[in-house]
Amino acid sequence: MRIRGDVFWDWADPTLHHRTHDETLSDGTFIDVQVRLSRTGNTQMFIGIYAASGMPLHEEAFDSRPGESMTRALVWGVGRARRIATEGVPAADRLAASK
């Protein structure tokens, strides 16, 4: 069972239509990528990476993916989730998050 963190709960809105990609990697790490359209028509995305035990390793949400359809954002998000799960959070992203 996954233990959701604050990023997920702040992003979650079950009233909005969304698409999901769930995947368990060979080491048991679980990735969860969700995309949706906001009430104003923006494509939004959530990326969650969880240990085999269900503990959150990384969660991030994007309020807007300008110019991207839900399908395109989902493909990008799955690639990003796989990279983070295997390589960790890119250094540039860690620096941007700390500002």
PDB file of N, CA and C in Angstrom:
ATOM      1  N   MET A   1       0.839  -1.181   0.000  1.00  0.00           N
ATOM      2  CA  MET A   1       0.000   0.000   0.000  1.00  0.00           C
ATOM      3  C   MET A   1       0.884   1.245   0.000  1.00  0.00           C
ATOM      4  N   ARG A   2       0.556   2.185  -0.897  1.00  0.00           N
ATOM      5  CA  ARG A   2       1.319   3.423  -0.968  1.00  0.00           C
ATOM      6  C   ARG A   2       0.918   4.383   0.134  1.00  0.00           C
ATOM      7  N   ILE A   3       1.903   5.060   0.656  1.00  0.00           N
ATOM      8  CA  ILE A   3       1.657   6.109   1.642  1.00  0.00           C
ATOM      9  C   ILE A   3       1.855   7.433   0.917  1.00  0.00           C
ATOM     10  N   ARG A   4       0.764   8.128   0.700  1.00  0.00           N
ATOM     11  CA  ARG A   4       0.815   9.386  -0.045  1.00  0.00           C
ATOM     12  C   ARG A   4       1.343  10.509   0.832  1.00  0.00           C
ATOM     13  N   GLY A   5       2.141  11.378   0.194  1.00  0.00           N
ATOM     14  CA  GLY A   5       2.684  12.525   0.892  1.00  0.00           C
ATOM     15  C   GLY A   5       1.843  13.770   0.675  1.00  0.00           C
ATOM     16  N   ASP A   6       2.282  14.864   1.254  1.00  0.00           N
ATOM     17  CA  ASP A   6       1.556  16.131   1.173  1.00  0.00           C
ATOM     18  C   ASP A   6       1.411  16.632  -0.263  1.00  0.00           C
ATOM     19  N   VAL A   7       2.418  16.390  -1.105  1.00  0.00           N
ATOM     20  CA  VAL A   7       2.338  16.878  -2.486  1.00  0.00           C
ATOM     21  C   VAL A   7       1.129  16.251  -3.182  1.00  0.00           C
ATOM     22  N   PHE A   8       0.940  14.945  -2.991  1.00  0.00           N
ATOM     23  CA  PHE A   8      -0.209  14.288  -3.615  1.00  0.00           C
ATOM     24  C   PHE A   8      -1.515  14.868  -3.085  1.00  0.00           C
ATOM     25  N   TRP A   9      -1.639  14.970  -1.770  1.00  0.00           N
ATOM     26  CA  TRP A   9      -2.902  15.423  -1.184  1.00  0.00           C
ATOM     27  C   TRP A   9      -3.211  16.869  -1.543  1.00  0.00           C
ATOM     28  N   ASP A  10      -2.182  17.700  -1.700  1.00  0.00           N
ATOM     29  CA  ASP A  10      -2.406  19.077  -2.144  1.00  0.00           C
ATOM     30  C   ASP A  10      -2.866  19.119  -3.605  1.00  0.00           C
ATOM     31  N   TRP A  11      -2.412  18.158  -4.412  1.00  0.00           N
ATOM     32  CA  TRP A  11      -2.733  18.104  -5.839  1.00  0.00           C
ATOM     33  C   TRP A  11      -4.069  17.422  -6.104  1.00  0.00           C
ATOM     34  N   ALA A  12      -4.429  16.455  -5.306  1.00  0.00           N
ATOM     35  CA  ALA A  12      -5.583  15.589  -5.563  1.00  0.00           C
ATOM     36  C   ALA A  12      -6.894  16.370  -5.665  1.00  0.00           C
ATOM     37  N   ASP A  13      -7.689  15.993  -6.659  1.00  0.00           N
ATOM     38  CA  ASP A  13      -9.042  16.516  -6.821  1.00  0.00           C
ATOM     39  C   ASP A  13      -9.838  15.453  -7.581  1.00  0.00           C
ATOM     40  N   PRO A  14     -10.531  14.584  -6.860  1.00  0.00           N
ATOM     41  CA  PRO A  14     -11.214  13.463  -7.513  1.00  0.00           C
ATOM     42  C   PRO A  14     -12.349  13.870  -8.445  1.00  0.00           C
ATOM     43  N   THR A  15     -12.734  15.135  -8.442  1.00  0.00           N
ATOM     44  CA  THR A  15     -13.816  15.552  -9.327  1.00  0.00           C
ATOM     45  C   THR A  15     -13.338  15.816 -10.748  1.00  0.00           C
ATOM     46  N   LEU A  16     -12.016  15.919 -10.952  1.00  0.00           N
ATOM     47  CA  LEU A  16     -11.476  16.194 -12.280  1.00  0.00           C
ATOM     48  C   LEU A  16     -11.111  14.894 -12.998  1.00  0.00           C
ATOM     49  N   HIS A  17     -11.428  14.837 -14.285  1.00  0.00           N
ATOM     50  CA  HIS A  17     -11.059  13.691 -15.114  1.00  0.00           C
ATOM     51  C   HIS A  17      -9.538  13.605 -15.199  1.00  0.00           C
ATOM     52  N   HIS A  18      -8.997  12.414 -15.049  1.00  0.00           N
ATOM     53  CA  HIS A  18      -7.545  12.249 -15.142  1.00  0.00           C
ATOM     54  C   HIS A  18      -7.198  10.918 -15.789  1.00  0.00           C
ATOM     55  N   ARG A  19      -5.967  10.817 -16.216  1.00  0.00           N
ATOM     56  CA  ARG A  19      -5.395   9.583 -16.752  1.00  0.00           C
ATOM     57  C   ARG A  19      -4.212   9.217 -15.877  1.00  0.00           C
ATOM     58  N   THR A  20      -4.002   7.915 -15.740  1.00  0.00           N
ATOM     59  CA  THR A  20      -2.976   7.428 -14.817  1.00  0.00           C
ATOM     60  C   THR A  20      -2.087   6.392 -15.491  1.00  0.00           C
ATOM     61  N   HIS A  21      -0.815   6.425 -15.148  1.00  0.00           N
ATOM     62  CA  HIS A  21       0.120   5.370 -15.519  1.00  0.00           C
ATOM     63  C   HIS A  21       0.758   4.872 -14.228  1.00  0.00           C
ATOM     64  N   ASP A  22       0.531   3.598 -13.905  1.00  0.00           N
ATOM     65  CA  ASP A  22       1.166   2.945 -12.752  1.00  0.00           C
ATOM     66  C   ASP A  22       2.121   1.895 -13.281  1.00  0.00           C
ATOM     67  N   GLU A  23       3.278   1.796 -12.635  1.00  0.00           N
ATOM     68  CA  GLU A  23       4.270   0.820 -13.090  1.00  0.00           C
ATOM     69  C   GLU A  23       5.145   0.409 -11.920  1.00  0.00           C
ATOM     70  N   THR A  24       5.415  -0.876 -11.830  1.00  0.00           N
ATOM     71  CA  THR A  24       6.354  -1.383 -10.838  1.00  0.00           C
ATOM     72  C   THR A  24       7.640  -1.745 -11.566  1.00  0.00           C
ATOM     73  N   LEU A  25       8.737  -1.135 -11.150  1.00  0.00           N
ATOM     74  CA  LEU A  25      10.031  -1.384 -11.768  1.00  0.00           C
ATOM     75  C   LEU A  25      10.630  -2.686 -11.235  1.00  0.00           C
ATOM     76  N   SER A  26      11.689  -3.149 -11.869  1.00  0.00           N
ATOM     77  CA  SER A  26      12.267  -4.458 -11.528  1.00  0.00           C
ATOM     78  C   SER A  26      12.757  -4.543 -10.085  1.00  0.00           C
ATOM     79  N   ASP A  27      13.111  -3.414  -9.476  1.00  0.00           N
ATOM     80  CA  ASP A  27      13.578  -3.433  -8.081  1.00  0.00           C
ATOM     81  C   ASP A  27      12.437  -3.259  -7.079  1.00  0.00           C
ATOM     82  N   GLY A  28      11.191  -3.215  -7.574  1.00  0.00           N
ATOM     83  CA  GLY A  28      10.032  -3.060  -6.698  1.00  0.00           C
ATOM     84  C   GLY A  28       9.572  -1.628  -6.518  1.00  0.00           C
ATOM     85  N   THR A  29      10.358  -0.671  -6.993  1.00  0.00           N
ATOM     86  CA  THR A  29       9.954   0.730  -6.928  1.00  0.00           C
ATOM     87  C   THR A  29       8.702   0.917  -7.770  1.00  0.00           C
ATOM     88  N   PHE A  30       7.769   1.688  -7.254  1.00  0.00           N
ATOM     89  CA  PHE A  30       6.494   1.912  -7.929  1.00  0.00           C
ATOM     90  C   PHE A  30       6.411   3.354  -8.376  1.00  0.00           C
ATOM     91  N   ILE A  31       6.031   3.571  -9.638  1.00  0.00           N
ATOM     92  CA  ILE A  31       5.829   4.940 -10.111  1.00  0.00           C
ATOM     93  C   ILE A  31       4.349   5.151 -10.428  1.00  0.00           C
ATOM     94  N   ASP A  32       3.886   6.336 -10.136  1.00  0.00           N
ATOM     95  CA  ASP A  32       2.501   6.727 -10.365  1.00  0.00           C
ATOM     96  C   ASP A  32       2.528   8.105 -11.023  1.00  0.00           C
ATOM     97  N   VAL A  33       2.068   8.167 -12.269  1.00  0.00           N
ATOM     98  CA  VAL A  33       2.013   9.432 -12.985  1.00  0.00           C
ATOM     99  C   VAL A  33       0.550   9.682 -13.343  1.00  0.00           C
ATOM    100  N   GLN A  34       0.071  10.863 -13.013  1.00  0.00           N
ATOM    101  CA  GLN A  34      -1.315  11.230 -13.298  1.00  0.00           C
ATOM    102  C   GLN A  34      -1.341  12.577 -13.996  1.00  0.00           C
ATOM    103  N   VAL A  35      -2.181  12.684 -15.001  1.00  0.00           N
ATOM    104  CA  VAL A  35      -2.390  13.959 -15.683  1.00  0.00           C
ATOM    105  C   VAL A  35      -3.889  14.255 -15.692  1.00  0.00           C
ATOM    106  N   ARG A  36      -4.203  15.541 -15.767  1.00  0.00           N
ATOM    107  CA  ARG A  36      -5.599  15.957 -15.788  1.00  0.00           C
ATOM    108  C   ARG A  36      -5.702  17.335 -16.417  1.00  0.00           C
ATOM    109  N   LEU A  37      -6.928  17.702 -16.728  1.00  0.00           N
ATOM    110  CA  LEU A  37      -7.218  19.063 -17.157  1.00  0.00           C
ATOM    111  C   LEU A  37      -7.835  19.797 -15.980  1.00  0.00           C
ATOM    112  N   SER A  38      -7.295  20.963 -15.683  1.00  0.00           N
ATOM    113  CA  SER A  38      -7.846  21.783 -14.601  1.00  0.00           C
ATOM    114  C   SER A  38      -9.193  22.357 -15.046  1.00  0.00           C
ATOM    115  N   ARG A  39      -9.870  22.991 -14.148  1.00  0.00           N
ATOM    116  CA  ARG A  39     -11.155  23.622 -14.480  1.00  0.00           C
ATOM    117  C   ARG A  39     -10.999  24.729 -15.516  1.00  0.00           C
ATOM    118  N   THR A  40      -9.790  25.280 -15.626  1.00  0.00           N
ATOM    119  CA  THR A  40      -9.532  26.331 -16.607  1.00  0.00           C
ATOM    120  C   THR A  40      -8.901  25.795 -17.888  1.00  0.00           C
ATOM    121  N   GLY A  41      -8.732  24.472 -17.984  1.00  0.00           N
ATOM    122  CA  GLY A  41      -8.214  23.858 -19.205  1.00  0.00           C
ATOM    123  C   GLY A  41      -6.726  23.637 -19.248  1.00  0.00           C
ATOM    124  N   ASN A  42      -6.009  23.891 -18.149  1.00  0.00           N
ATOM    125  CA  ASN A  42      -4.569  23.638 -18.104  1.00  0.00           C
ATOM    126  C   ASN A  42      -4.293  22.151 -17.903  1.00  0.00           C
ATOM    127  N   THR A  43      -3.295  21.640 -18.603  1.00  0.00           N
ATOM    128  CA  THR A  43      -2.844  20.279 -18.364  1.00  0.00           C
ATOM    129  C   THR A  43      -1.976  20.283 -17.110  1.00  0.00           C
ATOM    130  N   GLN A  44      -2.347  19.473 -16.139  1.00  0.00           N
ATOM    131  CA  GLN A  44      -1.616  19.382 -14.871  1.00  0.00           C
ATOM    132  C   GLN A  44      -1.111  17.953 -14.692  1.00  0.00           C
ATOM    133  N   MET A  45      -0.061  17.799 -13.878  1.00  0.00           N
ATOM    134  CA  MET A  45       0.538  16.477 -13.726  1.00  0.00           C
ATOM    135  C   MET A  45       1.044  16.257 -12.304  1.00  0.00           C
ATOM    136  N   PHE A  46       0.946  14.999 -11.880  1.00  0.00           N
ATOM    137  CA  PHE A  46       1.514  14.543 -10.612  1.00  0.00           C
ATOM    138  C   PHE A  46       2.438  13.375 -10.919  1.00  0.00           C
ATOM    139  N   ILE A  47       3.603  13.369 -10.290  1.00  0.00           N
ATOM    140  CA  ILE A  47       4.545  12.257 -10.389  1.00  0.00           C
ATOM    141  C   ILE A  47       4.864  11.791  -8.978  1.00  0.00           C
ATOM    142  N   GLY A  48       4.656  10.508  -8.729  1.00  0.00           N
ATOM    143  CA  GLY A  48       4.981   9.923  -7.435  1.00  0.00           C
ATOM    144  C   GLY A  48       5.858   8.702  -7.617  1.00  0.00           C
ATOM    145  N   ILE A  49       6.872   8.594  -6.786  1.00  0.00           N
ATOM    146  CA  ILE A  49       7.778   7.447  -6.804  1.00  0.00           C
ATOM    147  C   ILE A  49       7.810   6.891  -5.392  1.00  0.00           C
ATOM    148  N   TYR A  50       7.542   5.593  -5.273  1.00  0.00           N
ATOM    149  CA  TYR A  50       7.368   4.964  -3.969  1.00  0.00           C
ATOM    150  C   TYR A  50       8.241   3.711  -3.877  1.00  0.00           C
ATOM    151  N   ALA A  51       8.808   3.496  -2.691  1.00  0.00           N
ATOM    152  CA  ALA A  51       9.595   2.291  -2.432  1.00  0.00           C
ATOM    153  C   ALA A  51       8.672   1.081  -2.448  1.00  0.00           C
ATOM    154  N   ALA A  52       9.246  -0.099  -2.573  1.00  0.00           N
ATOM    155  CA  ALA A  52       8.455  -1.336  -2.560  1.00  0.00           C
ATOM    156  C   ALA A  52       7.616  -1.436  -1.292  1.00  0.00           C
ATOM    157  N   SER A  53       8.081  -0.833  -0.209  1.00  0.00           N
ATOM    158  CA  SER A  53       7.348  -0.842   1.062  1.00  0.00           C
ATOM    159  C   SER A  53       6.136   0.096   1.045  1.00  0.00           C
ATOM    160  N   GLY A  54       6.070   0.969   0.028  1.00  0.00           N
ATOM    161  CA  GLY A  54       4.984   1.940  -0.070  1.00  0.00           C
ATOM    162  C   GLY A  54       5.363   3.337   0.382  1.00  0.00           C
ATOM    163  N   MET A  55       6.532   3.479   0.986  1.00  0.00           N
ATOM    164  CA  MET A  55       6.971   4.803   1.467  1.00  0.00           C
ATOM    165  C   MET A  55       7.287   5.712   0.281  1.00  0.00           C
ATOM    166  N   PRO A  56       6.883   6.985   0.373  1.00  0.00           N
ATOM    167  CA  PRO A  56       7.180   7.910  -0.725  1.00  0.00           C
ATOM    168  C   PRO A  56       8.673   8.219  -0.794  1.00  0.00           C
ATOM    169  N   LEU A  57       9.221   8.130  -2.011  1.00  0.00           N
ATOM    170  CA  LEU A  57      10.608   8.506  -2.249  1.00  0.00           C
ATOM    171  C   LEU A  57      10.689   9.904  -2.858  1.00  0.00           C
ATOM    172  N   HIS A  58       9.706  10.210  -3.692  1.00  0.00           N
ATOM    173  CA  HIS A  58       9.678  11.515  -4.361  1.00  0.00           C
ATOM    174  C   HIS A  58       8.264  11.763  -4.884  1.00  0.00           C
ATOM    175  N   GLU A  59       7.779  12.972  -4.687  1.00  0.00           N
ATOM    176  CA  GLU A  59       6.503  13.403  -5.258  1.00  0.00           C
ATOM    177  C   GLU A  59       6.684  14.824  -5.774  1.00  0.00           C
ATOM    178  N   GLU A  60       6.092  15.086  -6.935  1.00  0.00           N
ATOM    179  CA  GLU A  60       6.091  16.445  -7.462  1.00  0.00           C
ATOM    180  C   GLU A  60       4.824  16.654  -8.274  1.00  0.00           C
ATOM    181  N   ALA A  61       4.386  17.894  -8.326  1.00  0.00           N
ATOM    182  CA  ALA A  61       3.180  18.238  -9.070  1.00  0.00           C
ATOM    183  C   ALA A  61       3.456  19.461  -9.927  1.00  0.00           C
ATOM    184  N   PHE A  62       2.838  19.486 -11.083  1.00  0.00           N
ATOM    185  CA  PHE A  62       2.964  20.605 -12.006  1.00  0.00           C
ATOM    186  C   PHE A  62       1.576  21.207 -12.192  1.00  0.00           C
ATOM    187  N   ASP A  63       1.419  22.494 -11.895  1.00  0.00           N
ATOM    188  CA  ASP A  63       0.134  23.171 -12.051  1.00  0.00           C
ATOM    189  C   ASP A  63      -0.218  23.394 -13.512  1.00  0.00           C
ATOM    190  N   SER A  64       0.797  23.417 -14.358  1.00  0.00           N
ATOM    191  CA  SER A  64       0.538  23.650 -15.776  1.00  0.00           C
ATOM    192  C   SER A  64       1.680  23.074 -16.607  1.00  0.00           C
ATOM    193  N   ARG A  65       1.306  22.440 -17.706  1.00  0.00           N
ATOM    194  CA  ARG A  65       2.262  21.966 -18.710  1.00  0.00           C
ATOM    195  C   ARG A  65       1.866  22.654 -20.012  1.00  0.00           C
ATOM    196  N   PRO A  66       2.268  23.927 -20.172  1.00  0.00           N
ATOM    197  CA  PRO A  66       1.816  24.728 -21.312  1.00  0.00           C
ATOM    198  C   PRO A  66       2.096  24.063 -22.665  1.00  0.00           C
ATOM    199  N   GLY A  67       1.081  24.068 -23.494  1.00  0.00           N
ATOM    200  CA  GLY A  67       1.235  23.541 -24.850  1.00  0.00           C
ATOM    201  C   GLY A  67       1.234  22.027 -24.946  1.00  0.00           C
ATOM    202  N   GLU A  68       1.007  21.322 -23.837  1.00  0.00           N
ATOM    203  CA  GLU A  68       1.020  19.864 -23.868  1.00  0.00           C
ATOM    204  C   GLU A  68      -0.387  19.310 -23.659  1.00  0.00           C
ATOM    205  N   SER A  69      -0.724  18.310 -24.456  1.00  0.00           N
ATOM    206  CA  SER A  69      -1.958  17.575 -24.240  1.00  0.00           C
ATOM    207  C   SER A  69      -1.763  16.651 -23.041  1.00  0.00           C
ATOM    208  N   MET A  70      -2.837  16.061 -22.574  1.00  0.00           N
ATOM    209  CA  MET A  70      -2.725  15.097 -21.476  1.00  0.00           C
ATOM    210  C   MET A  70      -1.845  13.923 -21.895  1.00  0.00           C
ATOM    211  N   THR A  71      -1.994  13.457 -23.130  1.00  0.00           N
ATOM    212  CA  THR A  71      -1.214  12.316 -23.619  1.00  0.00           C
ATOM    213  C   THR A  71       0.271  12.644 -23.651  1.00  0.00           C
ATOM    214  N   ARG A  72       0.602  13.794 -24.199  1.00  0.00           N
ATOM    215  CA  ARG A  72       2.011  14.198 -24.294  1.00  0.00           C
ATOM    216  C   ARG A  72       2.621  14.388 -22.902  1.00  0.00           C
ATOM    217  N   ALA A  73       1.873  15.017 -21.998  1.00  0.00           N
ATOM    218  CA  ALA A  73       2.366  15.226 -20.632  1.00  0.00           C
ATOM    219  C   ALA A  73       2.559  13.886 -19.923  1.00  0.00           C
ATOM    220  N   LEU A  74       1.653  12.940 -20.140  1.00  0.00           N
ATOM    221  CA  LEU A  74       1.776  11.631 -19.501  1.00  0.00           C
ATOM    222  C   LEU A  74       3.038  10.914 -19.968  1.00  0.00           C
ATOM    223  N   VAL A  75       3.321  10.951 -21.250  1.00  0.00           N
ATOM    224  CA  VAL A  75       4.537  10.317 -21.779  1.00  0.00           C
ATOM    225  C   VAL A  75       5.780  10.960 -21.168  1.00  0.00           C
ATOM    226  N   TRP A  76       5.818  12.292 -21.118  1.00  0.00           N
ATOM    227  CA  TRP A  76       6.960  12.991 -20.538  1.00  0.00           C
ATOM    228  C   TRP A  76       7.103  12.627 -19.059  1.00  0.00           C
ATOM    229  N   GLY A  77       5.983  12.615 -18.340  1.00  0.00           N
ATOM    230  CA  GLY A  77       6.005  12.329 -16.909  1.00  0.00           C
ATOM    231  C   GLY A  77       6.477  10.914 -16.597  1.00  0.00           C
ATOM    232  N   VAL A  78       6.069   9.947 -17.410  1.00  0.00           N
ATOM    233  CA  VAL A  78       6.519   8.562 -17.196  1.00  0.00           C
ATOM    234  C   VAL A  78       8.032   8.474 -17.391  1.00  0.00           C
ATOM    235  N   GLY A  79       8.541   9.124 -18.419  1.00  0.00           N
ATOM    236  CA  GLY A  79       9.994   9.134 -18.633  1.00  0.00           C
ATOM    237  C   GLY A  79      10.727   9.782 -17.475  1.00  0.00           C
ATOM    238  N   ARG A  80      10.200  10.903 -16.997  1.00  0.00           N
ATOM    239  CA  ARG A  80      10.825  11.586 -15.856  1.00  0.00           C
ATOM    240  C   ARG A  80      10.778  10.708 -14.611  1.00  0.00           C
ATOM    241  N   ALA A  81       9.644  10.080 -14.359  1.00  0.00           N
ATOM    242  CA  ALA A  81       9.518   9.216 -13.177  1.00  0.00           C
ATOM    243  C   ALA A  81      10.515   8.059 -13.236  1.00  0.00           C
ATOM    244  N   ARG A  82      10.652   7.448 -14.391  1.00  0.00           N
ATOM    245  CA  ARG A  82      11.618   6.337 -14.531  1.00  0.00           C
ATOM    246  C   ARG A  82      13.040   6.821 -14.277  1.00  0.00           C
ATOM    247  N   ARG A  83      13.377   8.008 -14.824  1.00  0.00           N
ATOM    248  CA  ARG A  83      14.730   8.556 -14.608  1.00  0.00           C
ATOM    249  C   ARG A  83      14.973   8.845 -13.135  1.00  0.00           C
ATOM    250  N   ILE A  84      14.021   9.479 -12.474  1.00  0.00           N
ATOM    251  CA  ILE A  84      14.187   9.805 -11.053  1.00  0.00           C
ATOM    252  C   ILE A  84      14.299   8.523 -10.232  1.00  0.00           C
ATOM    253  N   ALA A  85      13.506   7.517 -10.567  1.00  0.00           N
ATOM    254  CA  ALA A  85      13.530   6.256  -9.818  1.00  0.00           C
ATOM    255  C   ALA A  85      14.872   5.554  -9.945  1.00  0.00           C
ATOM    256  N   THR A  86      15.510   5.666 -11.091  1.00  0.00           N
ATOM    257  CA  THR A  86      16.775   4.961 -11.295  1.00  0.00           C
ATOM    258  C   THR A  86      18.004   5.818 -11.038  1.00  0.00           C
ATOM    259  N   GLU A  87      17.895   7.136 -11.269  1.00  0.00           N
ATOM    260  CA  GLU A  87      19.067   8.013 -11.169  1.00  0.00           C
ATOM    261  C   GLU A  87      18.983   9.036 -10.042  1.00  0.00           C
ATOM    262  N   GLY A  88      17.802   9.233  -9.470  1.00  0.00           N
ATOM    263  CA  GLY A  88      17.605  10.259  -8.459  1.00  0.00           C
ATOM    264  C   GLY A  88      17.159  11.560  -9.086  1.00  0.00           C
ATOM    265  N   VAL A  89      16.834  12.525  -8.245  1.00  0.00           N
ATOM    266  CA  VAL A  89      16.370  13.834  -8.710  1.00  0.00           C
ATOM    267  C   VAL A  89      17.552  14.586  -9.304  1.00  0.00           C
ATOM    268  N   PRO A  90      17.410  15.119 -10.537  1.00  0.00           N
ATOM    269  CA  PRO A  90      18.510  15.881 -11.128  1.00  0.00           C
ATOM    270  C   PRO A  90      18.940  17.049 -10.242  1.00  0.00           C
ATOM    271  N   ALA A  91      20.227  17.323 -10.213  1.00  0.00           N
ATOM    272  CA  ALA A  91      20.777  18.374  -9.365  1.00  0.00           C
ATOM    273  C   ALA A  91      20.143  19.729  -9.640  1.00  0.00           C
ATOM    274  N   ALA A  92      19.885  20.049 -10.899  1.00  0.00           N
ATOM    275  CA  ALA A  92      19.274  21.336 -11.234  1.00  0.00           C
ATOM    276  C   ALA A  92      17.896  21.463 -10.603  1.00  0.00           C
ATOM    277  N   ASP A  93      17.153  20.369 -10.520  1.00  0.00           N
ATOM    278  CA  ASP A  93      15.829  20.405  -9.899  1.00  0.00           C
ATOM    279  C   ASP A  93      15.937  20.586  -8.391  1.00  0.00           C
ATOM    280  N   ARG A  94      16.947  19.973  -7.775  1.00  0.00           N
ATOM    281  CA  ARG A  94      17.138  20.141  -6.326  1.00  0.00           C
ATOM    282  C   ARG A  94      17.477  21.584  -6.017  1.00  0.00           C
ATOM    283  N   LEU A  95      18.313  22.207  -6.844  1.00  0.00           N
ATOM    284  CA  LEU A  95      18.682  23.604  -6.628  1.00  0.00           C
ATOM    285  C   LEU A  95      17.465  24.512  -6.801  1.00  0.00           C
ATOM    286  N   ALA A  96      16.667  24.280  -7.834  1.00  0.00           N
ATOM    287  CA  ALA A  96      15.496  25.118  -8.076  1.00  0.00           C
ATOM    288  C   ALA A  96      14.492  24.988  -6.939  1.00  0.00           C
ATOM    289  N   ALA A  97      14.334  23.793  -6.393  1.00  0.00           N
ATOM    290  CA  ALA A  97      13.370  23.560  -5.313  1.00  0.00           C
ATOM    291  C   ALA A  97      13.814  24.234  -4.015  1.00  0.00           C
ATOM    292  N   SER A  98      15.116  24.414  -3.846  1.00  0.00           N
ATOM    293  CA  SER A  98      15.607  24.998  -2.591  1.00  0.00           C
ATOM    294  C   SER A  98      15.530  26.524  -2.586  1.00  0.00           C
ATOM    295  N   LYS A  99      15.228  27.133  -3.717  1.00  0.00           N
ATOM    296  CA  LYS A  99      15.158  28.604  -3.801  1.00  0.00           C
ATOM    297  C   LYS A  99      13.815  29.112  -3.417  1.00  0.00           C
TER     298      LYS A  99
END
